[in-house]
Amino acid sequence: MTVRWGVLSTSDFARRKFVPGLLKSSKVEVAAVGSRDLTKATAFADALGIPRAYGSYEELLADPSIDVIYNPLPNDLHVEWTRKAAEAGKHVLCEKPMGMTAAELEPLLPLATKVHIAEGFMVRFHPQWTETRELARRGDLGRVSHMHVAFGYNNMDPDNIRNLASAGGGALYDIGCYAIVAARWFMEADPIRVAALTDVDPAFGTDRLTSALLDFGDGRTCTFQVSTQSVFHQRVHVIGTDARLEITIPFNQPQDAPVTYLVHDGGSVDGLDARRVVVPTNDQYTSQAEAFSARLGETPTDGPLRDAMVNTRVIDAVFRSATTGRFETI
């Protein structure tokens, strides 16, 4: 059965990344798009071959043919419109972070057992991530004791949503959430406390640089730095007693090209003899949508929402630590 998706807004990210991924699948149909501006909705639909365009979000949610709502709205609108979509009986895949605080997500819990609600971390569906976690699981790295994640880009546009504090902009919300997910993915645990520093842009009021130390206990840690005002760069390093793993494009994997990761046993100082592994081309947005659609035949549980709440609690703790100057528990 083909699952029919509706797109809530004409966001640039949905136009460039997510919807093209959906259009590659024979298992899903992008059936409609809704915007507060019918002209924008129509242009979006025409450009991507979507059959129906609505001039309000409410009209999209009222469409009885839609099974799933994809919510790529600004961060501060995620909870409100995820709730409204779920109350309309739609399953919801919401972009990250699902909420500005963990407490904000609490009211969604009763709805998460009626419809499927999940946070859109597409990276977890790329074979690069599943393959490298399995590599760590089987002991190729030895005991994994530490990780480091770096993710940054340079965006000085004052009108860009990522630089608007009121809309949930800033490095931690936008890309720090990926670093946290990566740490939880490879450690296969949740951090127990965090220490952090932030550098706030005086004009935007958003964190332009956040650095954090996540403590997983038992001598296991992850450090990360994320920035909205740095040269574009992203890496995940997983360090074990026997070898290290380096993922060269961990988050923005190309939708039409293979990716690589490196494994090095420490036999040379420069690491130029690292083993290079190629992962075949995969569109992680296609994989994510198909995985979400496949779950619709199952009874909804609040597990995916509670997972999103853990990530958001870590974000909460990072912000607290940056203010108090102390370790903060999760």
Protein backbone atom coordinates (compact mmCIF):
# COMPACT_ATOMS: atom_id res chain seq x y z
CA MET A 1 0.00 0.00 0.00
CA THR A 2 1.27 3.45 -0.93
CA VAL A 3 1.47 5.84 2.02
CA ARG A 4 0.35 9.39 1.23
CA TRP A 5 2.42 12.23 2.69
CA GLY A 6 1.57 15.90 3.14
CA VAL A 7 4.25 18.57 3.55
CA LEU A 8 3.55 21.26 6.13
CA SER A 9 5.06 24.45 4.65
CA THR A 10 7.18 25.26 1.63
CA SER A 11 10.49 25.26 3.49
CA ASP A 12 13.66 25.42 1.45
CA PHE A 13 14.96 22.29 3.17
CA ALA A 14 11.82 20.34 2.22
CA ARG A 15 12.11 21.54 -1.37
CA ARG A 16 15.81 20.77 -1.80
CA LYS A 17 16.31 17.67 0.34
CA PHE A 18 13.37 15.89 1.89
CA VAL A 19 10.74 15.90 -0.85
CA PRO A 20 13.21 14.87 -3.60
CA GLY A 21 14.10 11.93 -1.37
CA LEU A 22 10.44 10.96 -1.02
CA LEU A 23 9.91 11.22 -4.76
CA LYS A 24 12.49 8.48 -5.33
CA SER A 25 10.37 5.93 -3.49
CA SER A 26 7.68 3.73 -5.00
CA LYS A 27 6.30 3.09 -1.50
CA VAL A 28 5.24 6.65 -0.68
CA GLU A 29 3.38 9.41 -2.47
CA VAL A 30 3.85 13.13 -1.85
CA ALA A 31 0.18 14.00 -2.22
CA ALA A 32 -0.12 17.60 -1.00
CA VAL A 33 1.63 20.64 0.40
CA GLY A 34 0.20 23.31 2.67
CA SER A 35 1.36 26.90 3.14
CA ARG A 36 -0.01 30.07 4.63
CA ASP A 37 0.40 31.50 1.13
CA LEU A 38 -1.44 29.66 -1.65
CA THR A 39 0.82 31.17 -4.31
CA LYS A 40 3.88 29.70 -2.59
CA ALA A 41 2.15 26.36 -2.11
CA THR A 42 1.17 26.20 -5.77
CA ALA A 43 4.68 27.08 -6.96
CA PHE A 44 6.17 24.45 -4.63
CA ALA A 45 3.71 21.81 -5.84
CA ASP A 46 4.24 22.65 -9.52
CA ALA A 47 8.03 22.52 -9.17
CA LEU A 48 7.98 19.07 -7.58
CA GLY A 49 4.96 17.51 -9.26
CA ILE A 50 2.78 17.41 -6.14
CA PRO A 51 -0.93 17.00 -7.01
CA ARG A 52 -2.55 19.33 -4.45
CA ALA A 53 -1.63 22.68 -2.88
CA TYR A 54 -3.42 24.30 0.05
CA GLY A 55 -3.35 27.91 1.19
CA SER A 56 -3.35 27.07 4.89
CA TYR A 57 -1.91 24.45 7.21
CA GLU A 58 -5.40 23.68 8.49
CA GLU A 59 -6.61 22.70 5.00
CA LEU A 60 -3.76 20.25 4.65
CA LEU A 61 -4.52 18.65 8.01
CA ALA A 62 -8.19 18.36 7.04
CA ASP A 63 -7.40 16.40 3.84
CA PRO A 64 -8.78 12.90 4.59
CA SER A 65 -6.49 11.24 2.05
CA ILE A 66 -3.26 12.23 3.85
CA ASP A 67 -1.71 9.56 6.07
CA VAL A 68 1.49 11.28 7.23
CA ILE A 69 2.41 14.90 7.85
CA TYR A 70 6.02 15.97 7.44
CA ASN A 71 6.68 18.99 9.67
CA PRO A 72 9.73 21.09 8.65
CA LEU A 73 8.48 24.33 10.24
CA PRO A 74 10.79 26.57 12.31
CA ASN A 75 11.81 24.99 15.62
CA ASP A 76 9.47 27.10 17.74
CA LEU A 77 6.45 25.82 15.76
CA HIS A 78 7.30 22.12 15.84
CA VAL A 79 5.29 21.15 18.90
CA GLU A 80 2.22 23.24 18.08
CA TRP A 81 1.75 21.84 14.59
CA THR A 82 2.81 18.31 15.46
CA ARG A 83 0.09 18.37 18.10
CA LYS A 84 -2.49 19.76 15.68
CA ALA A 85 -1.59 17.17 13.03
CA ALA A 86 -1.79 14.33 15.56
CA GLU A 87 -5.13 15.60 16.85
CA ALA A 88 -6.33 15.51 13.23
CA GLY A 89 -5.44 11.81 13.16
CA LYS A 90 -2.27 12.17 11.08
CA HIS A 91 1.01 10.41 11.78
CA VAL A 92 3.84 12.95 12.08
CA LEU A 93 7.50 12.98 11.17
CA CYS A 94 8.81 16.24 12.65
CA GLU A 95 12.14 17.83 11.88
CA LYS A 96 14.70 18.11 14.64
CA PRO A 97 14.76 19.30 17.32
CA MET A 98 11.16 18.34 17.94
CA GLY A 99 10.87 20.80 20.81
CA MET A 100 12.66 23.80 22.27
CA THR A 101 12.65 22.09 25.69
CA ALA A 102 11.89 18.60 26.91
CA ALA A 103 8.99 19.92 29.00
CA GLU A 104 7.40 21.31 25.84
CA LEU A 105 7.10 17.76 24.48
CA GLU A 106 5.23 16.33 27.48
CA PRO A 107 1.72 17.17 26.15
CA LEU A 108 2.42 15.09 23.03
CA LEU A 109 2.83 11.85 25.01
CA PRO A 110 -0.88 10.88 25.07
CA LEU A 111 -1.09 11.46 21.30
CA ALA A 112 1.99 9.31 20.62
CA THR A 113 0.05 6.14 21.48
CA LYS A 114 -2.72 7.05 19.02
CA VAL A 115 -0.64 8.01 15.98
CA HIS A 116 3.02 7.53 15.14
CA ILE A 117 5.14 10.56 16.08
CA ALA A 118 8.89 10.63 15.46
CA GLU A 119 11.77 13.08 15.18
CA GLY A 120 13.46 13.39 11.80
CA PHE A 121 17.06 12.32 12.32
CA MET A 122 17.58 10.89 8.84
CA VAL A 123 21.22 9.98 9.56
CA ARG A 124 20.13 6.95 11.56
CA PHE A 125 18.75 5.43 8.37
CA HIS A 126 21.89 5.78 6.24
CA PRO A 127 23.83 2.49 5.89
CA GLN A 128 26.98 4.42 6.77
CA TRP A 129 25.65 4.82 10.30
CA THR A 130 24.34 1.27 10.69
CA GLU A 131 27.53 -0.22 9.23
CA THR A 132 29.90 1.77 11.43
CA ARG A 133 27.93 1.08 14.59
CA GLU A 134 28.07 -2.62 13.81
CA LEU A 135 31.82 -2.29 13.32
CA ALA A 136 32.10 -0.84 16.83
CA ARG A 137 29.73 -3.45 18.27
CA ARG A 138 31.77 -6.38 17.03
CA GLY A 139 34.90 -5.01 18.67
CA ASP A 140 36.91 -3.79 15.68
CA LEU A 141 37.81 -0.64 17.64
CA GLY A 142 38.35 -2.36 20.96
CA ARG A 143 36.69 -0.66 23.92
CA VAL A 144 35.22 2.65 22.78
CA SER A 145 36.12 5.24 25.38
CA HIS A 146 35.79 8.58 23.62
CA MET A 147 34.17 10.39 20.73
CA HIS A 148 34.63 13.79 19.18
CA VAL A 149 32.13 15.48 16.88
CA ALA A 150 32.73 18.69 14.93
CA PHE A 151 30.05 20.35 12.81
CA GLY A 152 30.04 23.89 11.53
CA TYR A 153 29.07 26.27 8.76
CA ASN A 154 29.22 30.03 8.19
CA ASN A 155 25.87 31.83 8.01
CA MET A 156 25.81 35.57 8.74
CA ASP A 157 22.40 36.31 7.20
CA PRO A 158 20.36 38.13 9.88
CA ASP A 159 17.11 37.06 8.23
CA ASN A 160 17.99 33.36 8.09
CA ILE A 161 15.87 31.26 10.44
CA ARG A 162 19.03 29.75 11.94
CA ASN A 163 20.00 33.21 13.24
CA LEU A 164 16.63 34.10 14.77
CA ALA A 165 16.64 33.41 18.51
CA SER A 166 12.84 33.65 18.78
CA ALA A 167 12.44 30.85 16.21
CA GLY A 168 14.91 28.49 17.90
CA GLY A 169 18.00 29.41 15.94
CA GLY A 170 21.61 28.89 16.93
CA ALA A 171 24.23 26.18 16.66
CA LEU A 172 23.03 23.87 19.44
CA TYR A 173 19.43 23.59 18.23
CA ASP A 174 20.34 23.40 14.55
CA ILE A 175 23.35 21.08 14.49
CA GLY A 176 24.33 20.33 18.08
CA CYS A 177 21.37 17.98 18.20
CA TYR A 178 23.15 15.86 15.55
CA ALA A 179 26.28 15.64 17.69
CA ILE A 180 24.17 14.44 20.62
CA VAL A 181 22.43 11.83 18.47
CA ALA A 182 25.78 10.61 17.16
CA ALA A 183 27.13 10.22 20.69
CA ARG A 184 24.06 8.30 21.85
CA TRP A 185 24.15 6.16 18.69
CA PHE A 186 27.72 4.93 19.08
CA MET A 187 27.82 4.80 22.88
CA GLU A 188 24.42 3.06 22.84
CA ALA A 189 23.62 4.86 26.06
CA ASP A 190 22.45 8.24 27.28
CA PRO A 191 24.79 10.76 28.93
CA ILE A 192 24.38 11.31 32.65
CA ARG A 193 25.82 14.83 32.89
CA VAL A 194 27.22 17.56 30.68
CA ALA A 195 29.56 20.56 30.89
CA ALA A 196 29.36 23.26 28.23
CA LEU A 197 30.42 26.69 27.00
CA THR A 198 28.60 28.88 24.51
CA ASP A 199 29.60 32.01 22.61
CA VAL A 200 26.55 34.14 21.82
CA ASP A 201 26.39 36.45 18.82
CA PRO A 202 25.70 39.93 20.25
CA ALA A 203 23.46 40.91 17.35
CA PHE A 204 21.53 37.69 16.78
CA GLY A 205 21.30 36.52 20.40
CA THR A 206 21.94 32.93 19.29
CA ASP A 207 24.84 30.65 20.18
CA ARG A 208 27.32 30.88 17.33
CA LEU A 209 29.65 28.37 19.01
CA THR A 210 28.81 25.70 21.56
CA SER A 211 31.34 23.29 23.01
CA ALA A 212 30.29 20.46 25.30
CA LEU A 213 31.56 17.43 27.19
CA LEU A 214 29.07 14.58 27.57
CA ASP A 215 29.79 12.10 30.37
CA PHE A 216 28.39 8.62 29.78
CA GLY A 217 29.93 7.18 32.93
CA ASP A 218 32.41 4.31 33.23
CA GLY A 219 35.15 6.49 31.73
CA ARG A 220 33.28 7.11 28.46
CA THR A 221 32.93 10.63 27.08
CA CYS A 222 32.07 12.61 23.97
CA THR A 223 33.18 16.14 23.21
CA PHE A 224 31.63 18.26 20.50
CA GLN A 225 31.93 21.71 18.95
CA VAL A 226 29.22 23.14 16.74
CA SER A 227 29.22 26.55 15.10
CA THR A 228 27.13 28.71 12.77
CA GLN A 229 30.07 31.02 12.10
CA SER A 230 32.95 28.83 11.00
CA VAL A 231 34.24 27.24 7.84
CA PHE A 232 31.96 24.39 6.73
CA HIS A 233 33.21 21.20 8.32
CA GLN A 234 31.83 17.98 9.78
CA ARG A 235 33.44 14.89 11.27
CA VAL A 236 32.67 12.13 13.72
CA HIS A 237 35.62 10.41 15.44
CA VAL A 238 35.04 7.28 17.52
CA ILE A 239 38.14 6.32 19.55
CA GLY A 240 38.74 2.83 20.88
CA THR A 241 41.61 1.00 22.55
CA ASP A 242 42.57 -0.78 19.32
CA ALA A 243 41.53 1.54 16.50
CA ARG A 244 39.70 4.73 15.64
CA LEU A 245 36.83 5.38 13.27
CA GLU A 246 36.52 8.61 11.27
CA ILE A 247 33.31 9.39 9.41
CA THR A 248 34.13 12.03 6.83
CA ILE A 249 30.60 13.17 5.90
CA PRO A 250 28.49 12.03 8.84
CA PHE A 251 25.47 14.33 8.54
CA ASN A 252 25.04 15.85 5.07
CA GLN A 253 25.66 12.71 3.07
CA PRO A 254 25.09 13.37 -0.65
CA GLN A 255 21.84 11.95 -1.98
CA ASP A 256 23.43 10.86 -5.25
CA ALA A 257 26.97 9.71 -4.42
CA PRO A 258 28.78 7.18 -2.22
CA VAL A 259 30.47 8.15 1.05
CA THR A 260 33.53 6.87 2.87
CA TYR A 261 34.73 6.27 6.38
CA LEU A 262 38.21 5.53 7.70
CA VAL A 263 39.49 2.95 10.18
CA HIS A 264 43.00 3.36 11.56
CA ASP A 265 44.90 1.16 14.00
CA GLY A 266 47.31 3.84 15.14
CA GLY A 267 50.24 2.25 13.33
CA SER A 268 51.37 5.59 11.92
CA VAL A 269 51.38 9.06 13.37
CA ASP A 270 49.80 10.77 10.38
CA GLY A 271 47.12 8.12 9.81
CA LEU A 272 47.54 8.28 6.04
CA ASP A 273 47.53 4.49 5.89
CA ALA A 274 44.00 4.29 7.30
CA ARG A 275 41.71 1.72 5.73
CA ARG A 276 39.14 3.50 3.55
CA VAL A 277 35.69 1.93 3.26
CA VAL A 278 33.21 3.06 0.60
CA VAL A 279 29.50 2.95 1.38
CA PRO A 280 27.31 2.82 -1.76
CA THR A 281 24.99 5.69 -2.69
CA ASN A 282 21.93 5.96 -0.48
CA ASP A 283 19.37 8.72 -0.08
CA GLN A 284 18.85 8.82 3.67
CA TYR A 285 15.63 10.81 3.30
CA THR A 286 14.14 8.06 1.15
CA SER A 287 15.21 5.43 3.67
CA GLN A 288 13.82 7.42 6.58
CA ALA A 289 10.44 7.97 4.92
CA GLU A 290 10.11 4.32 3.92
CA ALA A 291 11.03 3.16 7.43
CA PHE A 292 8.49 5.53 8.99
CA SER A 293 5.80 4.48 6.50
CA ALA A 294 6.46 0.79 7.19
CA ARG A 295 5.64 1.33 10.86
CA LEU A 296 2.12 2.57 10.17
CA GLY A 297 0.78 -0.97 10.29
CA GLU A 298 2.04 -1.32 13.86
CA THR A 299 0.44 -0.08 17.06
CA PRO A 300 1.84 3.37 17.92
CA THR A 301 3.98 3.70 21.04
CA ASP A 302 5.51 6.70 22.73
CA GLY A 303 9.03 5.24 22.40
CA PRO A 304 10.16 7.46 19.49
CA LEU A 305 8.81 10.56 21.25
CA ARG A 306 10.57 9.64 24.49
CA ASP A 307 13.77 9.20 22.50
CA ALA A 308 13.32 12.75 21.19
CA MET A 309 12.74 13.91 24.76
CA VAL A 310 16.09 12.44 25.85
CA ASN A 311 17.88 14.38 23.13
CA THR A 312 16.07 17.55 24.15
CA ARG A 313 16.91 17.03 27.82
CA VAL A 314 20.57 16.91 26.83
CA ILE A 315 20.13 20.20 24.95
CA ASP A 316 18.43 21.66 28.04
CA ALA A 317 21.38 20.58 30.19
CA VAL A 318 23.94 22.03 27.77
CA PHE A 319 22.24 25.43 27.94
CA ARG A 320 22.03 25.22 31.75
CA SER A 321 25.71 24.33 32.07
CA ALA A 322 26.73 27.21 29.83
CA THR A 323 24.90 29.50 32.26
CA THR A 324 25.95 27.94 35.59
CA GLY A 325 29.51 27.01 34.64
CA ARG A 326 29.04 23.60 36.26
CA PHE A 327 28.31 20.05 35.23
CA GLU A 328 24.56 19.62 34.86
CA THR A 329 22.78 16.29 35.14
CA ILE A 330 20.56 15.15 32.31
